[in-house]
């Protein structure tokens, strides 16, 4: 679920890195990579916490979420190490060491996937798959229709990502805003948060581990695998204006992770802090 819903916003930095070698494309790609975990760990957490608050009457264990804390702790552990290594690579001048970090990040994510698949049977099952768009009347559509829908969907995603990369540069020139900041704000909101409303549905259904894992799993994917690609395809450097969203991401994740380690439970009010941190970010950007 996490990787599938992270695909649109993942294509934005990939397209920016692969198709453009200019500073503008580089900033758009970096902004999308840094913006995804930032948005998920602030607004994503906040929305999840708010859903639990609104569903308080239906939850006998309110304000706690019914999550498998081992799953969420694992996601945070892989995220923090991968995110930190990816950022540190921008500060290292030794190219060999930088490429070794990129390789390690790929291995690190592969290990994460292996552990997730190995222990995935222990968490609650997802809902049934929706019917295929190209064959809505059949529960078991033909393989060629499945492949056709995947190809069409991927083509639309790539086209959309290309249009995004091209137009962010134009809009940034018109508004006088750096491409990095615009990409940081627009890319995750336009592509990340709408898809994370799957988590809202799962929270309403009481599938809290699946709901929060959809967010934390996407954070791992965005912050571990994508930076490795950025390191290999670009002159990997953190651009001006990155410090605030990076620090806020660490604060939000660090708070939730620390309380989860100490209490072995997750409180919805802890997740609501993400909204406050996002407000701090907006205030800093405006001043």
Protein backbone atom coordinates (compact mmCIF):
# COMPACT_ATOMS: atom_id res chain seq x y z
CA UNK A 1 0.00 0.00 0.00
CA UNK A 2 2.73 2.45 1.00
CA UNK A 3 4.79 1.94 -2.16
CA UNK A 4 1.75 1.91 -4.41
CA UNK A 5 0.37 5.17 -3.08
CA UNK A 6 3.83 6.75 -3.08
CA UNK A 7 4.34 6.15 -6.79
CA UNK A 8 3.05 9.51 -8.17
CA UNK A 9 5.18 11.70 -5.92
CA UNK A 10 8.14 9.34 -6.41
CA UNK A 11 8.08 9.97 -10.15
CA UNK A 12 8.44 13.73 -9.66
CA UNK A 13 12.04 13.60 -8.33
CA UNK A 14 12.89 10.73 -10.68
CA UNK A 15 11.76 12.71 -13.71
CA UNK A 16 13.51 15.83 -12.42
CA UNK A 17 16.80 13.97 -11.87
CA UNK A 18 16.84 11.90 -15.04
CA UNK A 19 15.50 14.39 -17.61
CA UNK A 20 17.08 17.60 -16.38
CA UNK A 21 20.61 18.40 -15.35
CA UNK A 22 19.99 22.03 -14.46
CA UNK A 23 19.91 23.62 -11.03
CA UNK A 24 16.17 24.19 -11.29
CA UNK A 25 15.37 20.52 -11.91
CA UNK A 26 17.76 19.55 -9.13
CA UNK A 27 15.92 21.82 -6.67
CA UNK A 28 12.54 20.45 -7.73
CA UNK A 29 13.73 16.87 -7.17
CA UNK A 30 15.28 17.63 -3.79
CA UNK A 31 12.19 19.56 -2.73
CA UNK A 32 9.93 16.62 -3.56
CA UNK A 33 12.15 14.16 -1.67
CA UNK A 34 12.45 16.31 1.46
CA UNK A 35 8.83 17.41 1.24
CA UNK A 36 7.31 13.92 1.27
CA UNK A 37 8.48 12.76 4.74
CA UNK A 38 7.98 16.29 6.06
CA UNK A 39 4.35 16.40 4.92
CA UNK A 40 3.64 12.85 6.08
CA UNK A 41 5.17 13.37 9.52
CA UNK A 42 3.24 16.61 10.06
CA UNK A 43 -0.06 16.83 8.18
CA UNK A 44 -0.22 13.06 7.67
CA UNK A 45 0.13 12.41 11.40
CA UNK A 46 -2.23 15.28 12.22
CA UNK A 47 -5.01 14.00 9.95
CA UNK A 48 -4.65 10.50 11.42
CA UNK A 49 -4.84 11.83 14.97
CA UNK A 50 -7.87 13.97 14.12
CA UNK A 51 -9.73 10.98 12.66
CA UNK A 52 -9.21 9.08 15.92
CA UNK A 53 -10.49 12.09 17.90
CA UNK A 54 -13.61 12.31 15.72
CA UNK A 55 -14.15 8.57 16.13
CA UNK A 56 -13.68 8.72 19.92
CA UNK A 57 -17.18 7.47 20.76
CA UNK A 58 -16.66 4.33 18.71
CA UNK A 59 -13.27 3.56 20.28
CA UNK A 60 -13.31 1.86 23.68
CA UNK A 61 -9.57 2.45 24.13
CA UNK A 62 -9.55 6.14 23.13
CA UNK A 63 -7.19 8.06 22.91
CA UNK A 64 -4.88 5.16 22.03
CA UNK A 65 -4.54 3.70 18.54
CA UNK A 66 -4.82 -0.05 18.12
CA UNK A 67 -1.50 -0.50 16.37
CA UNK A 68 1.13 -3.21 16.40
CA UNK A 69 3.86 -1.03 17.88
CA UNK A 70 6.56 -3.39 16.56
CA UNK A 71 5.57 -2.59 12.97
CA UNK A 72 5.59 1.18 13.49
CA UNK A 73 8.82 1.08 15.51
CA UNK A 74 10.50 -0.87 12.72
CA UNK A 75 9.37 1.69 10.14
CA UNK A 76 10.66 4.59 12.22
CA UNK A 77 13.98 2.82 12.80
CA UNK A 78 14.57 2.23 9.09
CA UNK A 79 13.39 5.74 8.25
CA UNK A 80 15.64 7.57 10.71
CA UNK A 81 18.79 5.69 9.69
CA UNK A 82 18.09 5.91 5.96
CA UNK A 83 16.99 9.55 6.12
CA UNK A 84 20.06 10.55 8.13
CA UNK A 85 22.45 8.72 5.81
CA UNK A 86 20.85 10.25 2.73
CA UNK A 87 21.20 13.74 4.17
CA UNK A 88 24.76 13.13 5.37
CA UNK A 89 25.79 12.11 1.85
CA UNK A 90 25.20 15.73 0.79
CA UNK A 91 27.88 16.85 3.23
CA UNK A 92 30.55 14.37 2.14
CA UNK A 93 33.02 15.30 -0.59
CA UNK A 94 34.48 11.82 -1.11
CA UNK A 95 32.64 10.48 -4.17
CA UNK A 96 33.46 6.85 -3.40
CA UNK A 97 31.98 7.14 0.09
CA UNK A 98 28.92 8.91 -1.29
CA UNK A 99 28.26 6.14 -3.80
CA UNK A 100 28.77 3.54 -1.07
CA UNK A 101 26.04 5.28 0.90
CA UNK A 102 23.76 5.10 -2.15
CA UNK A 103 24.38 1.36 -2.46
CA UNK A 104 23.83 0.87 1.26
CA UNK A 105 20.50 2.71 1.07
CA UNK A 106 19.32 0.32 -1.63
CA UNK A 107 20.38 -2.66 0.49
CA UNK A 108 18.80 -1.01 3.55
CA UNK A 109 15.46 -0.67 1.78
CA UNK A 110 15.68 -4.23 0.46
CA UNK A 111 16.15 -5.44 4.03
CA UNK A 112 13.13 -3.40 5.08
CA UNK A 113 10.99 -4.96 2.35
CA UNK A 114 12.17 -8.45 3.31
CA UNK A 115 11.31 -7.93 6.97
CA UNK A 116 7.96 -6.41 6.07
CA UNK A 117 7.02 -9.35 3.87
CA UNK A 118 8.31 -11.87 6.38
CA UNK A 119 6.30 -10.53 9.29
CA UNK A 120 3.46 -9.00 7.30
CA UNK A 121 1.12 -11.88 8.04
CA UNK A 122 1.03 -10.83 11.68
CA UNK A 123 -0.86 -7.58 11.02
CA UNK A 124 -4.47 -7.20 9.98
CA UNK A 125 -5.42 -7.89 6.40
CA UNK A 126 -6.38 -5.18 3.97
CA UNK A 127 -9.79 -4.73 2.44
CA UNK A 128 -10.69 -6.53 -0.76
CA UNK A 129 -9.24 -5.13 -3.96
CA UNK A 130 -11.43 -2.78 -5.95
CA UNK A 131 -12.57 -3.97 -9.40
CA UNK A 132 -10.26 -3.31 -12.33
CA UNK A 133 -11.16 -0.05 -14.08
CA UNK A 134 -10.91 -1.75 -17.48
CA UNK A 135 -13.05 -4.69 -16.35
CA UNK A 136 -15.28 -3.58 -13.48
CA UNK A 137 -17.83 -6.35 -13.96
CA UNK A 138 -15.35 -9.20 -13.46
CA UNK A 139 -13.84 -10.31 -10.16
CA UNK A 140 -11.04 -12.18 -11.95
CA UNK A 141 -10.11 -10.08 -15.01
CA UNK A 142 -7.81 -11.39 -17.71
CA UNK A 143 -4.09 -10.82 -17.28
CA UNK A 144 -3.81 -8.72 -20.45
CA UNK A 145 -6.38 -6.26 -19.06
CA UNK A 146 -4.43 -6.01 -15.81
CA UNK A 147 -1.20 -5.35 -17.73
CA UNK A 148 -2.96 -2.81 -19.96
CA UNK A 149 -4.28 -0.88 -16.96
CA UNK A 150 -0.83 -0.86 -15.34
CA UNK A 151 0.76 0.46 -18.55
CA UNK A 152 -1.89 3.17 -19.02
CA UNK A 153 -1.66 4.18 -15.37
CA UNK A 154 2.12 4.37 -15.49
CA UNK A 155 2.02 6.42 -18.70
CA UNK A 156 -0.39 8.90 -17.09
CA UNK A 157 1.82 9.15 -14.00
CA UNK A 158 4.94 9.83 -16.06
CA UNK A 159 3.09 12.43 -18.15
CA UNK A 160 1.80 14.14 -15.02
CA UNK A 161 5.24 14.13 -13.40
CA UNK A 162 6.76 15.66 -16.54
CA UNK A 163 4.15 18.41 -16.59
CA UNK A 164 4.74 19.08 -12.90
CA UNK A 165 8.51 19.44 -13.29
CA UNK A 166 8.12 21.71 -16.32
CA UNK A 167 5.49 23.99 -14.76
CA UNK A 168 6.97 24.32 -11.27
CA UNK A 169 9.92 26.13 -12.82
CA UNK A 170 7.60 28.48 -14.72
CA UNK A 171 5.41 29.20 -11.67
CA UNK A 172 8.45 29.77 -9.44
CA UNK A 173 9.70 32.42 -11.89
CA UNK A 174 6.31 34.14 -11.93
CA UNK A 175 5.95 34.17 -8.14
CA UNK A 176 9.60 34.83 -7.43
CA UNK A 177 9.75 31.76 -5.18
CA UNK A 178 12.69 29.30 -5.36
CA UNK A 179 11.75 26.05 -7.18
CA UNK A 180 12.83 24.07 -4.10
CA UNK A 181 10.32 25.80 -1.80
CA UNK A 182 7.50 25.54 -4.34
CA UNK A 183 8.21 21.85 -4.94
CA UNK A 184 8.47 21.25 -1.19
CA UNK A 185 5.02 22.72 -0.63
CA UNK A 186 3.13 21.63 -3.74
CA UNK A 187 4.42 18.15 -4.60
CA UNK A 188 3.49 16.36 -1.35
CA UNK A 189 0.16 18.17 -0.97
CA UNK A 190 -0.84 17.44 -4.57
CA UNK A 191 0.29 13.81 -4.67
CA UNK A 192 0.92 12.49 -1.15
CA UNK A 193 -1.90 13.62 1.13
CA UNK A 194 -4.87 12.76 -1.16
CA UNK A 195 -3.65 9.17 -1.42
CA UNK A 196 -3.11 8.94 2.32
CA UNK A 197 -6.86 9.25 2.78
CA UNK A 198 -6.69 5.48 2.43
CA UNK A 199 -5.38 5.73 5.98
CA UNK A 200 -8.48 7.70 6.98
CA UNK A 201 -10.69 4.91 5.67
CA UNK A 202 -8.66 2.25 7.47
CA UNK A 203 -8.75 4.21 10.74
CA UNK A 204 -12.53 4.43 10.51
CA UNK A 205 -12.59 0.67 9.91
CA UNK A 206 -10.38 0.13 12.97
CA UNK A 207 -7.38 -1.06 10.97
CA UNK A 208 -4.95 1.23 12.75
CA UNK A 209 -1.74 -0.67 11.99
CA UNK A 210 -2.55 -0.71 8.29
CA UNK A 211 -3.50 2.98 8.36
CA UNK A 212 -0.42 4.27 10.13
CA UNK A 213 1.82 1.77 8.36
CA UNK A 214 0.62 3.24 5.07
CA UNK A 215 2.13 6.55 6.17
CA UNK A 216 5.31 5.31 7.85
CA UNK A 217 6.01 2.83 5.04
CA UNK A 218 5.78 5.61 2.48
CA UNK A 219 8.18 7.65 4.59
CA UNK A 220 10.73 4.83 4.45
CA UNK A 221 10.35 4.46 0.69
CA UNK A 222 10.60 8.21 0.02
CA UNK A 223 13.55 8.78 2.35
CA UNK A 224 15.67 5.70 1.70
CA UNK A 225 15.28 4.55 -1.89
CA UNK A 226 14.76 7.88 -3.66
CA UNK A 227 17.82 9.63 -2.14
CA UNK A 228 19.98 6.76 -3.38
CA UNK A 229 18.79 7.51 -6.91
CA UNK A 230 19.38 11.22 -6.40
CA UNK A 231 22.92 10.51 -5.20
CA UNK A 232 23.71 8.45 -8.28
CA UNK A 233 22.13 10.75 -10.88
CA UNK A 234 22.88 14.22 -9.51
CA UNK A 235 25.40 16.34 -7.71
CA UNK A 236 23.65 15.50 -4.45
CA UNK A 237 23.50 18.66 -2.35
CA UNK A 238 20.95 19.97 0.10
CA UNK A 239 19.75 23.35 -1.16
CA UNK A 240 19.09 26.52 0.83
CA UNK A 241 15.85 26.42 2.80
CA UNK A 242 16.08 22.70 3.60
CA UNK A 243 16.96 23.08 7.28
CA UNK A 244 13.48 23.97 8.56
CA UNK A 245 11.52 21.04 7.04
CA UNK A 246 14.34 18.62 7.91
CA UNK A 247 14.44 19.71 11.56
CA UNK A 248 10.65 19.61 11.84
CA UNK A 249 10.59 16.12 10.33
CA UNK A 250 13.09 14.93 12.94
CA UNK A 251 11.10 16.59 15.74
CA UNK A 252 7.79 15.04 14.69
CA UNK A 253 9.14 11.54 14.07
CA UNK A 254 11.39 11.71 17.13
CA UNK A 255 8.46 12.64 19.39
CA UNK A 256 6.19 9.83 18.18
CA UNK A 257 9.01 7.27 18.11
CA UNK A 258 10.26 8.16 21.60
CA UNK A 259 6.82 7.94 23.19
CA UNK A 260 6.17 4.69 21.35
CA UNK A 261 9.39 3.22 22.76
CA UNK A 262 8.63 4.42 26.29
CA UNK A 263 4.92 3.62 26.54
CA UNK A 264 4.51 0.83 23.98
CA UNK A 265 1.33 2.65 22.93
CA UNK A 266 0.48 5.40 20.47
CA UNK A 267 -1.69 8.31 21.59
CA UNK A 268 -3.72 10.24 19.02
CA UNK A 269 -2.88 13.52 20.75
CA UNK A 270 0.79 12.86 20.05
CA UNK A 271 -0.03 12.68 16.34
CA UNK A 272 -1.90 15.99 16.55
CA UNK A 273 1.39 17.71 17.38
CA UNK A 274 2.26 17.26 13.71
CA UNK A 275 -0.28 19.93 12.83
CA UNK A 276 1.34 22.36 15.25
CA UNK A 277 4.76 21.67 13.75
CA UNK A 278 3.41 22.30 10.25
CA UNK A 279 2.03 25.64 11.45
CA UNK A 280 5.50 26.47 12.77
CA UNK A 281 6.94 25.68 9.34
CA UNK A 282 4.45 27.98 7.61
CA UNK A 283 5.25 30.78 10.09
CA UNK A 284 9.00 30.39 9.50
CA UNK A 285 8.53 30.42 5.72
CA UNK A 286 6.42 33.59 5.90
CA UNK A 287 8.92 35.38 8.09
